[in-house]
Amino acid sequence: MDDHLTNLLELRLNVLLGVQRRGALEPDGKVEIKRIEDALAHRLPGMQQEGRH
């Protein structure tokens, strides 16, 4: 995964997490968060250990 894709995924994740904090996240959003976290976990060492799920 290249840096550009990683940056896009991080931006999207931040948007989704903001929506989740406001309590307005749709069920599909939760699935998307999980998929992004899984993708980033392979790119960013230590992410899984931080408990970002």
N, C-alpha and C. Protein backbone atom coordinates (compact mmCIF):
# COMPACT_ATOMS: atom_id res chain seq x y z
N MET A 1 0.85 -1.17 0.00
CA MET A 1 0.00 0.00 0.00
C MET A 1 0.90 1.23 0.00
N ASP A 2 0.59 2.17 -0.86
CA ASP A 2 1.44 3.35 -0.94
C ASP A 2 0.99 4.42 0.06
N ASP A 3 1.82 5.44 0.21
CA ASP A 3 1.54 6.49 1.19
C ASP A 3 0.27 7.27 0.87
N HIS A 4 0.00 7.48 -0.40
CA HIS A 4 -1.20 8.23 -0.79
C HIS A 4 -2.46 7.48 -0.34
N LEU A 5 -2.50 6.19 -0.59
CA LEU A 5 -3.65 5.39 -0.17
C LEU A 5 -3.77 5.37 1.35
N THR A 6 -2.65 5.23 2.03
CA THR A 6 -2.66 5.25 3.49
C THR A 6 -3.24 6.56 4.01
N ASN A 7 -2.82 7.68 3.42
CA ASN A 7 -3.34 8.98 3.83
C ASN A 7 -4.84 9.08 3.60
N LEU A 8 -5.32 8.59 2.46
CA LEU A 8 -6.75 8.62 2.18
C LEU A 8 -7.54 7.77 3.17
N LEU A 9 -7.02 6.61 3.48
CA LEU A 9 -7.69 5.75 4.45
C LEU A 9 -7.73 6.39 5.83
N GLU A 10 -6.64 7.03 6.23
CA GLU A 10 -6.61 7.69 7.52
C GLU A 10 -7.60 8.85 7.58
N LEU A 11 -7.71 9.61 6.50
CA LEU A 11 -8.67 10.71 6.44
C LEU A 11 -10.10 10.18 6.55
N ARG A 12 -10.40 9.15 5.80
CA ARG A 12 -11.76 8.56 5.84
C ARG A 12 -12.05 8.01 7.22
N LEU A 13 -11.08 7.35 7.83
CA LEU A 13 -11.26 6.81 9.17
C LEU A 13 -11.56 7.92 10.17
N ASN A 14 -10.85 9.02 10.07
CA ASN A 14 -11.10 10.14 10.97
C ASN A 14 -12.51 10.69 10.81
N VAL A 15 -12.98 10.77 9.57
CA VAL A 15 -14.35 11.24 9.33
C VAL A 15 -15.35 10.28 9.98
N LEU A 16 -15.17 9.00 9.74
CA LEU A 16 -16.09 8.00 10.28
C LEU A 16 -16.07 7.99 11.81
N LEU A 17 -14.90 8.12 12.40
CA LEU A 17 -14.82 8.13 13.85
C LEU A 17 -15.48 9.37 14.44
N GLY A 18 -15.40 10.49 13.73
CA GLY A 18 -16.10 11.70 14.17
C GLY A 18 -17.61 11.51 14.15
N VAL A 19 -18.10 10.89 13.10
CA VAL A 19 -19.53 10.60 13.00
C VAL A 19 -19.94 9.64 14.12
N GLN A 20 -19.10 8.67 14.38
CA GLN A 20 -19.39 7.70 15.45
C GLN A 20 -19.45 8.39 16.81
N ARG A 21 -18.53 9.32 17.07
CA ARG A 21 -18.53 10.05 18.34
C ARG A 21 -19.82 10.86 18.52
N ARG A 22 -20.36 11.35 17.41
CA ARG A 22 -21.61 12.11 17.48
C ARG A 22 -22.83 11.21 17.58
N GLY A 23 -22.62 9.90 17.48
CA GLY A 23 -23.72 8.94 17.60
C GLY A 23 -24.56 8.82 16.35
N ALA A 24 -24.02 9.20 15.21
CA ALA A 24 -24.79 9.20 13.97
C ALA A 24 -24.25 8.19 12.95
N LEU A 25 -23.47 7.23 13.39
CA LEU A 25 -22.86 6.29 12.45
C LEU A 25 -23.84 5.18 12.08
N GLU A 26 -24.00 4.98 10.80
CA GLU A 26 -24.84 3.90 10.27
C GLU A 26 -24.11 2.57 10.45
N PRO A 27 -24.85 1.46 10.45
CA PRO A 27 -24.20 0.14 10.57
C PRO A 27 -23.13 -0.10 9.51
N ASP A 28 -23.35 0.37 8.29
CA ASP A 28 -22.34 0.21 7.24
C ASP A 28 -21.06 0.95 7.59
N GLY A 29 -21.18 2.04 8.32
CA GLY A 29 -20.02 2.80 8.74
C GLY A 29 -19.14 2.01 9.69
N LYS A 30 -19.76 1.22 10.55
CA LYS A 30 -18.99 0.38 11.47
C LYS A 30 -18.19 -0.66 10.71
N VAL A 31 -18.79 -1.20 9.68
CA VAL A 31 -18.10 -2.19 8.84
C VAL A 31 -16.93 -1.51 8.12
N GLU A 32 -17.16 -0.31 7.63
CA GLU A 32 -16.10 0.42 6.92
C GLU A 32 -14.95 0.75 7.86
N ILE A 33 -15.26 1.15 9.08
CA ILE A 33 -14.20 1.42 10.07
C ILE A 33 -13.35 0.18 10.28
N LYS A 34 -13.98 -0.95 10.45
CA LYS A 34 -13.25 -2.21 10.68
C LYS A 34 -12.36 -2.54 9.49
N ARG A 35 -12.88 -2.37 8.29
CA ARG A 35 -12.08 -2.69 7.09
C ARG A 35 -10.88 -1.75 6.96
N ILE A 36 -11.10 -0.47 7.23
CA ILE A 36 -9.99 0.48 7.15
C ILE A 36 -8.95 0.16 8.21
N GLU A 37 -9.40 -0.11 9.43
CA GLU A 37 -8.45 -0.45 10.49
C GLU A 37 -7.64 -1.69 10.14
N ASP A 38 -8.31 -2.69 9.57
CA ASP A 38 -7.60 -3.91 9.17
C ASP A 38 -6.56 -3.61 8.10
N ALA A 39 -6.92 -2.79 7.13
CA ALA A 39 -5.98 -2.44 6.06
C ALA A 39 -4.80 -1.66 6.62
N LEU A 40 -5.07 -0.71 7.50
CA LEU A 40 -3.99 0.10 8.07
C LEU A 40 -3.12 -0.72 9.02
N ALA A 41 -3.69 -1.71 9.67
CA ALA A 41 -2.92 -2.53 10.60
C ALA A 41 -1.77 -3.25 9.87
N HIS A 42 -1.99 -3.57 8.62
CA HIS A 42 -0.93 -4.22 7.84
C HIS A 42 0.12 -3.22 7.41
N ARG A 43 -0.27 -1.95 7.30
CA ARG A 43 0.64 -0.89 6.85
C ARG A 43 1.39 -0.23 7.99
N LEU A 44 0.72 -0.07 9.13
CA LEU A 44 1.28 0.68 10.24
C LEU A 44 1.58 -0.26 11.41
N PRO A 45 2.83 -0.62 11.61
CA PRO A 45 3.17 -1.54 12.71
C PRO A 45 2.70 -0.99 14.05
N GLY A 46 2.18 -1.87 14.87
CA GLY A 46 1.76 -1.48 16.21
C GLY A 46 0.31 -1.04 16.31
N MET A 47 -0.37 -0.85 15.20
CA MET A 47 -1.75 -0.37 15.27
C MET A 47 -2.65 -1.38 15.96
N GLN A 48 -2.47 -2.65 15.69
CA GLN A 48 -3.32 -3.66 16.32
C GLN A 48 -3.12 -3.68 17.83
N GLN A 49 -1.91 -3.47 18.30
CA GLN A 49 -1.64 -3.50 19.72
C GLN A 49 -2.27 -2.31 20.45
N GLU A 50 -2.57 -1.23 19.74
CA GLU A 50 -3.15 -0.05 20.37
C GLU A 50 -4.63 -0.22 20.68
N GLY A 51 -5.23 -1.30 20.19
CA GLY A 51 -6.63 -1.54 20.46
C GLY A 51 -7.57 -0.56 19.80
N ARG A 52 -7.38 -0.29 18.53
CA ARG A 52 -8.20 0.69 17.82
C ARG A 52 -9.45 0.07 17.23
N HIS A 53 -9.99 -0.97 17.82
CA HIS A 53 -11.20 -1.60 17.26
C HIS A 53 -12.39 -1.23 18.04
